[in-house]
PDB file of N, CA and C in Angstrom:
ATOM      1  N   MET A   1       0.928  -1.024   0.045  1.00  0.00           N
ATOM      2  CA  MET A   1       0.044  -0.185   0.195  1.00  0.00           C
ATOM      3  C   MET A   1       1.151   1.202  -0.216  1.00  0.00           C
ATOM      4  N   SER A   2       0.730   2.287  -0.685  1.00  0.00           N
ATOM      5  CA  SER A   2       1.600   3.243  -0.924  1.00  0.00           C
ATOM      6  C   SER A   2       1.256   4.003  -0.041  1.00  0.00           C
ATOM      7  N   SER A   3       2.231   4.911   0.751  1.00  0.00           N
ATOM      8  CA  SER A   3       1.841   6.100   1.700  1.00  0.00           C
ATOM      9  C   SER A   3       0.671   6.749   1.678  1.00  0.00           C
ATOM     10  N   GLU A   4       0.659   7.270   0.220  1.00  0.00           N
ATOM     11  CA  GLU A   4      -0.912   8.220  -0.032  1.00  0.00           C
ATOM     12  C   GLU A   4      -1.853   7.508   0.362  1.00  0.00           C
ATOM     13  N   ALA A   5      -1.920   6.269   0.105  1.00  0.00           N
ATOM     14  CA  ALA A   5      -3.226   5.330   0.502  1.00  0.00           C
ATOM     15  C   ALA A   5      -3.530   5.003   1.999  1.00  0.00           C
ATOM     16  N   ARG A   6      -2.280   5.851   2.847  1.00  0.00           N
ATOM     17  CA  ARG A   6      -2.481   5.271   4.186  1.00  0.00           C
ATOM     18  C   ARG A   6      -3.778   6.209   5.088  1.00  0.00           C
ATOM     19  N   SER A   7      -4.591   5.779   6.064  1.00  0.00           N
ATOM     20  CA  SER A   7      -5.162   6.336   6.457  1.00  0.00           C
ATOM     21  C   SER A   7      -4.499   7.124   7.827  1.00  0.00           C
ATOM     22  N   SER A   8      -5.213   7.458   8.671  1.00  0.00           N
ATOM     23  CA  SER A   8      -4.824   8.267   9.879  1.00  0.00           C
ATOM     24  C   SER A   8      -4.375   7.183  11.097  1.00  0.00           C
ATOM     25  N   ASP A   9      -5.402   6.274  10.996  1.00  0.00           N
ATOM     26  CA  ASP A   9      -5.135   5.167  12.108  1.00  0.00           C
ATOM     27  C   ASP A   9      -4.446   4.285  11.725  1.00  0.00           C
ATOM     28  N   GLU A  10      -3.654   4.425  10.835  1.00  0.00           N
ATOM     29  CA  GLU A  10      -2.502   3.331  10.143  1.00  0.00           C
ATOM     30  C   GLU A  10      -1.010   3.963  10.546  1.00  0.00           C
ATOM     31  N   TRP A  11      -0.912   5.142  11.281  1.00  0.00           N
ATOM     32  CA  TRP A  11       0.111   6.180  11.169  1.00  0.00           C
ATOM     33  C   TRP A  11       0.861   5.577  12.712  1.00  0.00           C
ATOM     34  N   ASP A  12       2.239   5.209  12.645  1.00  0.00           N
ATOM     35  CA  ASP A  12       3.120   4.822  14.113  1.00  0.00           C
ATOM     36  C   ASP A  12       3.811   5.561  14.465  1.00  0.00           C
ATOM     37  N   GLU A  13       4.171   5.623  15.621  1.00  0.00           N
ATOM     38  CA  GLU A  13       5.705   6.688  16.172  1.00  0.00           C
ATOM     39  C   GLU A  13       6.858   6.764  15.152  1.00  0.00           C
ATOM     40  N   SER A  14       6.894   5.517  14.505  1.00  0.00           N
ATOM     41  CA  SER A  14       8.163   5.266  13.950  1.00  0.00           C
ATOM     42  C   SER A  14       8.537   6.067  12.368  1.00  0.00           C
ATOM     43  N   MET A  15       7.271   6.460  11.803  1.00  0.00           N
ATOM     44  CA  MET A  15       7.024   7.492  10.645  1.00  0.00           C
ATOM     45  C   MET A  15       7.455   8.513  10.679  1.00  0.00           C
ATOM     46  N   PRO A  16       8.075   9.339  10.209  1.00  0.00           N
ATOM     47  CA  PRO A  16       8.501  10.674  10.276  1.00  0.00           C
ATOM     48  C   PRO A  16       7.012  11.675   9.894  1.00  0.00           C
ATOM     49  N   LEU A  17       7.303  12.515  10.791  1.00  0.00           N
ATOM     50  CA  LEU A  17       5.724  13.595  10.455  1.00  0.00           C
ATOM     51  C   LEU A  17       6.543  15.058  10.186  1.00  0.00           C
ATOM     52  N   PRO A  18       5.693  15.752   9.192  1.00  0.00           N
ATOM     53  CA  PRO A  18       5.778  17.012   8.849  1.00  0.00           C
ATOM     54  C   PRO A  18       6.618  18.049   9.896  1.00  0.00           C
ATOM     55  N   GLY A  19       6.533  17.858  11.182  1.00  0.00           N
ATOM     56  CA  GLY A  19       7.114  18.873  12.244  1.00  0.00           C
ATOM     57  C   GLY A  19       8.125  18.339  12.721  1.00  0.00           C
ATOM     58  N   ASP A  20       8.663  17.129  12.074  1.00  0.00           N
ATOM     59  CA  ASP A  20       9.664  17.099  12.933  1.00  0.00           C
ATOM     60  C   ASP A  20      11.239  17.527  12.496  1.00  0.00           C
ATOM     61  N   MET A  21      12.360  17.796  13.172  1.00  0.00           N
ATOM     62  CA  MET A  21      13.781  18.644  12.713  1.00  0.00           C
ATOM     63  C   MET A  21      14.746  17.376  12.784  1.00  0.00           C
ATOM     64  N   ILE A  22      15.066  17.217  11.392  1.00  0.00           N
ATOM     65  CA  ILE A  22      16.378  16.238  11.267  1.00  0.00           C
ATOM     66  C   ILE A  22      17.150  16.825  12.283  1.00  0.00           C
ATOM     67  N   GLU A  23      17.889  16.185  12.680  1.00  0.00           N
ATOM     68  CA  GLU A  23      19.141  16.181  13.811  1.00  0.00           C
ATOM     69  C   GLU A  23      20.695  16.062  12.840  1.00  0.00           C
ATOM     70  N   GLY A  24      20.338  14.743  12.425  1.00  0.00           N
ATOM     71  CA  GLY A  24      21.152  13.761  11.711  1.00  0.00           C
ATOM     72  C   GLY A  24      20.987  12.233  11.071  1.00  0.00           C
ATOM     73  N   PHE A  25      21.756  12.400  10.285  1.00  0.00           N
ATOM     74  CA  PHE A  25      21.513  10.639   9.444  1.00  0.00           C
ATOM     75  C   PHE A  25      22.885   9.605   9.797  1.00  0.00           C
ATOM     76  N   ALA A  26      22.324   8.394   9.792  1.00  0.00           N
ATOM     77  CA  ALA A  26      23.307   7.487   9.850  1.00  0.00           C
ATOM     78  C   ALA A  26      23.082   6.048   8.961  1.00  0.00           C
ATOM     79  N   ASP A  27      24.120   5.386   8.751  1.00  0.00           N
ATOM     80  CA  ASP A  27      24.003   3.981   7.690  1.00  0.00           C
ATOM     81  C   ASP A  27      23.742   2.963   8.898  1.00  0.00           C
ATOM     82  N   ILE A  28      23.885   2.936   9.716  1.00  0.00           N
ATOM     83  CA  ILE A  28      23.778   2.401  10.898  1.00  0.00           C
ATOM     84  C   ILE A  28      23.219   2.514  12.533  1.00  0.00           C
ATOM     85  N   ASN A  29      22.579   1.841  12.964  1.00  0.00           N
ATOM     86  CA  ASN A  29      21.733   2.729  14.095  1.00  0.00           C
ATOM     87  C   ASN A  29      22.599   2.049  15.831  1.00  0.00           C
ATOM     88  N   ASP A  30      23.848   1.903  15.520  1.00  0.00           N
ATOM     89  CA  ASP A  30      24.740   1.768  16.980  1.00  0.00           C
ATOM     90  C   ASP A  30      25.018   2.572  17.575  1.00  0.00           C
ATOM     91  N   ALA A  31      25.592   3.826  17.545  1.00  0.00           N
ATOM     92  CA  ALA A  31      26.056   4.707  18.595  1.00  0.00           C
ATOM     93  C   ALA A  31      25.615   6.302  17.978  1.00  0.00           C
ATOM     94  N   ASP A  32      25.579   7.259  18.877  1.00  0.00           N
ATOM     95  CA  ASP A  32      25.096   8.339  18.432  1.00  0.00           C
ATOM     96  C   ASP A  32      26.075   9.059  18.137  1.00  0.00           C
ATOM     97  N   GLU A  33      27.050   8.676  18.498  1.00  0.00           N
ATOM     98  CA  GLU A  33      28.389   9.655  17.159  1.00  0.00           C
ATOM     99  C   GLU A  33      29.002   8.944  16.204  1.00  0.00           C
ATOM    100  N   LEU A  34      27.908   8.229  15.622  1.00  0.00           N
ATOM    101  CA  LEU A  34      27.758   7.528  14.294  1.00  0.00           C
ATOM    102  C   LEU A  34      27.169   8.832  13.030  1.00  0.00           C
ATOM    103  N   PHE A  35      26.129   9.310  13.750  1.00  0.00           N
ATOM    104  CA  PHE A  35      25.267  10.263  12.863  1.00  0.00           C
ATOM    105  C   PHE A  35      25.753  11.766  12.711  1.00  0.00           C
ATOM    106  N   VAL A  36      25.763  11.688  11.181  1.00  0.00           N
ATOM    107  CA  VAL A  36      26.327  12.956  10.716  1.00  0.00           C
ATOM    108  C   VAL A  36      25.079  14.122  10.875  1.00  0.00           C
ATOM    109  N   PRO A  37      25.691  15.389  11.467  1.00  0.00           N
ATOM    110  CA  PRO A  37      24.997  16.084  11.645  1.00  0.00           C
ATOM    111  C   PRO A  37      24.244  16.680   9.933  1.00  0.00           C
ATOM    112  N   ALA A  38      22.791  16.925   9.878  1.00  0.00           N
ATOM    113  CA  ALA A  38      22.226  17.595   9.080  1.00  0.00           C
ATOM    114  C   ALA A  38      22.155  19.189   9.440  1.00  0.00           C
ATOM    115  N   LYS A  39      22.309  19.734   8.579  1.00  0.00           N
ATOM    116  CA  LYS A  39      22.621  21.514   9.178  1.00  0.00           C
ATOM    117  C   LYS A  39      21.400  22.251   7.636  1.00  0.00           C
ATOM    118  N   ALA A  40      21.262  21.600   6.960  1.00  0.00           N
ATOM    119  CA  ALA A  40      20.530  22.155   6.044  1.00  0.00           C
ATOM    120  C   ALA A  40      19.756  21.418   5.387  1.00  0.00           C
ATOM    121  N   LYS A  41      18.789  21.444   4.344  1.00  0.00           N
ATOM    122  CA  LYS A  41      18.033  20.420   3.641  1.00  0.00           C
ATOM    123  C   LYS A  41      18.734  20.224   2.543  1.00  0.00           C
ATOM    124  N   PRO A  42      19.133  20.935   1.395  1.00  0.00           N
ATOM    125  CA  PRO A  42      20.459  20.897   0.567  1.00  0.00           C
ATOM    126  C   PRO A  42      21.398  19.992   1.090  1.00  0.00           C
ATOM    127  N   ASP A  43      22.103  20.155   1.979  1.00  0.00           N
ATOM    128  CA  ASP A  43      23.310  19.512   2.680  1.00  0.00           C
ATOM    129  C   ASP A  43      22.800  18.247   2.728  1.00  0.00           C
ATOM    130  N   LEU A  44      21.548  17.643   3.527  1.00  0.00           N
ATOM    131  CA  LEU A  44      21.089  16.686   4.113  1.00  0.00           C
ATOM    132  C   LEU A  44      20.665  16.064   2.553  1.00  0.00           C
ATOM    133  N   SER A  45      20.272  16.636   1.785  1.00  0.00           N
ATOM    134  CA  SER A  45      19.810  15.604   0.175  1.00  0.00           C
ATOM    135  C   SER A  45      20.688  15.372  -0.592  1.00  0.00           C
ATOM    136  N   SER A  46      21.763  15.906  -0.265  1.00  0.00           N
ATOM    137  CA  SER A  46      23.111  15.860  -0.942  1.00  0.00           C
ATOM    138  C   SER A  46      24.013  14.880  -0.148  1.00  0.00           C
ATOM    139  N   GLN A  47      24.303  14.594   0.668  1.00  0.00           N
ATOM    140  CA  GLN A  47      24.577  13.702   1.770  1.00  0.00           C
ATOM    141  C   GLN A  47      23.981  12.269   1.835  1.00  0.00           C
ATOM    142  N   LEU A  48      22.646  12.205   1.770  1.00  0.00           N
ATOM    143  CA  LEU A  48      21.934  11.050   1.747  1.00  0.00           C
ATOM    144  C   LEU A  48      22.015  10.501   0.286  1.00  0.00           C
ATOM    145  N   GLY A  49      22.226  11.330  -0.711  1.00  0.00           N
ATOM    146  CA  GLY A  49      22.294  10.652  -1.932  1.00  0.00           C
ATOM    147  C   GLY A  49      24.270   9.828  -2.258  1.00  0.00           C
ATOM    148  N   LYS A  50      25.034  10.331  -1.535  1.00  0.00           N
ATOM    149  CA  LYS A  50      26.279   9.686  -1.651  1.00  0.00           C
ATOM    150  C   LYS A  50      26.045   8.255  -0.952  1.00  0.00           C
ATOM    151  N   ILE A  51      25.293   8.298   0.237  1.00  0.00           N
ATOM    152  CA  ILE A  51      25.062   6.941   1.056  1.00  0.00           C
ATOM    153  C   ILE A  51      24.111   5.949   0.193  1.00  0.00           C
ATOM    154  N   SER A  52      23.216   6.723  -0.761  1.00  0.00           N
ATOM    155  CA  SER A  52      21.757   5.794  -0.578  1.00  0.00           C
ATOM    156  C   SER A  52      22.655   4.464  -1.455  1.00  0.00           C
ATOM    157  N   PRO A  53      23.409   4.646  -2.617  1.00  0.00           N
ATOM    158  CA  PRO A  53      23.780   3.702  -3.314  1.00  0.00           C
ATOM    159  C   PRO A  53      24.940   2.517  -2.299  1.00  0.00           C
ATOM    160  N   GLN A  54      25.183   2.944  -1.356  1.00  0.00           N
ATOM    161  CA  GLN A  54      25.962   2.288  -0.674  1.00  0.00           C
ATOM    162  C   GLN A  54      25.379   1.210   0.378  1.00  0.00           C
ATOM    163  N   THR A  55      24.190   1.661   0.544  1.00  0.00           N
ATOM    164  CA  THR A  55      23.547   1.111   1.879  1.00  0.00           C
ATOM    165  C   THR A  55      21.681   1.036   1.640  1.00  0.00           C
ATOM    166  N   GLU A  56      21.267   0.132   1.874  1.00  0.00           N
ATOM    167  CA  GLU A  56      19.925  -0.322   1.671  1.00  0.00           C
ATOM    168  C   GLU A  56      18.882   0.434   3.108  1.00  0.00           C
ATOM    169  N   THR A  57      19.447   0.827   4.296  1.00  0.00           N
ATOM    170  CA  THR A  57      18.568   1.470   5.249  1.00  0.00           C
ATOM    171  C   THR A  57      19.561   2.671   5.969  1.00  0.00           C
ATOM    172  N   VAL A  58      18.451   3.840   6.249  1.00  0.00           N
ATOM    173  CA  VAL A  58      19.406   4.775   6.676  1.00  0.00           C
ATOM    174  C   VAL A  58      18.603   5.254   7.813  1.00  0.00           C
ATOM    175  N   TRP A  59      19.079   5.598   8.974  1.00  0.00           N
ATOM    176  CA  TRP A  59      18.448   6.160  10.328  1.00  0.00           C
ATOM    177  C   TRP A  59      18.746   7.233  10.525  1.00  0.00           C
ATOM    178  N   LEU A  60      17.476   7.923  10.905  1.00  0.00           N
ATOM    179  CA  LEU A  60      17.337   9.418  10.759  1.00  0.00           C
ATOM    180  C   LEU A  60      17.204   9.794  12.598  1.00  0.00           C
ATOM    181  N   LYS A  61      17.866  10.169  12.589  1.00  0.00           N
ATOM    182  CA  LYS A  61      17.879  11.358  14.295  1.00  0.00           C
ATOM    183  C   LYS A  61      16.839  12.491  13.984  1.00  0.00           C
ATOM    184  N   VAL A  62      15.800  12.424  14.884  1.00  0.00           N
ATOM    185  CA  VAL A  62      15.318  13.534  14.439  1.00  0.00           C
ATOM    186  C   VAL A  62      14.316  13.903  16.082  1.00  0.00           C
ATOM    187  N   SER A  63      13.898  15.732  16.174  1.00  0.00           N
ATOM    188  CA  SER A  63      13.396  15.896  17.221  1.00  0.00           C
ATOM    189  C   SER A  63      11.866  16.063  16.819  1.00  0.00           C
ATOM    190  N   ARG A  64      11.147  15.449  17.870  1.00  0.00           N
ATOM    191  CA  ARG A  64       9.757  15.702  17.799  1.00  0.00           C
ATOM    192  C   ARG A  64       9.186  16.276  19.034  1.00  0.00           C
ATOM    193  N   GLY A  65       9.008  17.360  19.145  1.00  0.00           N
ATOM    194  CA  GLY A  65       9.043  17.731  20.565  1.00  0.00           C
ATOM    195  C   GLY A  65       9.807  17.977  21.616  1.00  0.00           C
ATOM    196  N   GLU A  66       9.673  17.405  22.556  1.00  0.00           N
ATOM    197  CA  GLU A  66      10.896  17.246  23.470  1.00  0.00           C
ATOM    198  C   GLU A  66      11.984  16.274  23.785  1.00  0.00           C
ATOM    199  N   ARG A  67      11.279  14.912  22.731  1.00  0.00           N
ATOM    200  CA  ARG A  67      11.660  14.016  22.630  1.00  0.00           C
ATOM    201  C   ARG A  67      12.526  13.907  21.173  1.00  0.00           C
ATOM    202  N   THR A  68      14.053  13.308  21.308  1.00  0.00           N
ATOM    203  CA  THR A  68      14.622  12.597  20.189  1.00  0.00           C
ATOM    204  C   THR A  68      14.859  11.487  19.612  1.00  0.00           C
ATOM    205  N   LEU A  69      14.324  10.996  18.677  1.00  0.00           N
ATOM    206  CA  LEU A  69      13.864   9.648  18.125  1.00  0.00           C
ATOM    207  C   LEU A  69      15.026   9.098  17.226  1.00  0.00           C
ATOM    208  N   LYS A  70      15.084   7.980  16.714  1.00  0.00           N
ATOM    209  CA  LYS A  70      15.829   7.273  15.566  1.00  0.00           C
ATOM    210  C   LYS A  70      14.698   6.384  14.739  1.00  0.00           C
ATOM    211  N   LEU A  71      14.756   7.251  13.734  1.00  0.00           N
ATOM    212  CA  LEU A  71      13.367   6.760  12.726  1.00  0.00           C
ATOM    213  C   LEU A  71      14.322   6.021  11.265  1.00  0.00           C
ATOM    214  N   LEU A  72      13.886   4.579  10.999  1.00  0.00           N
ATOM    215  CA  LEU A  72      14.758   4.017   9.784  1.00  0.00           C
ATOM    216  C   LEU A  72      13.809   4.595   8.723  1.00  0.00           C
ATOM    217  N   TYR A  73      14.682   5.272   7.725  1.00  0.00           N
ATOM    218  CA  TYR A  73      14.295   5.788   6.670  1.00  0.00           C
ATOM    219  C   TYR A  73      14.366   4.978   5.276  1.00  0.00           C
TER     220      TYR A  73
END
């Protein structure tokens, strides 16, 4: 099912939200120090484009309100 076809009752906390602030990303979820800071959207897009061919999964560290979460992208 495409993401457009999902209803609001199918959302879960592991999905990114429009208000999430991306703090960084990593290709593994082992340690916080492996996350690369994301300073701006063009910077993030460029860096994700470089690692996308090398790995199947990317972890995003996001701020959601008062919490920091790691989400699989």
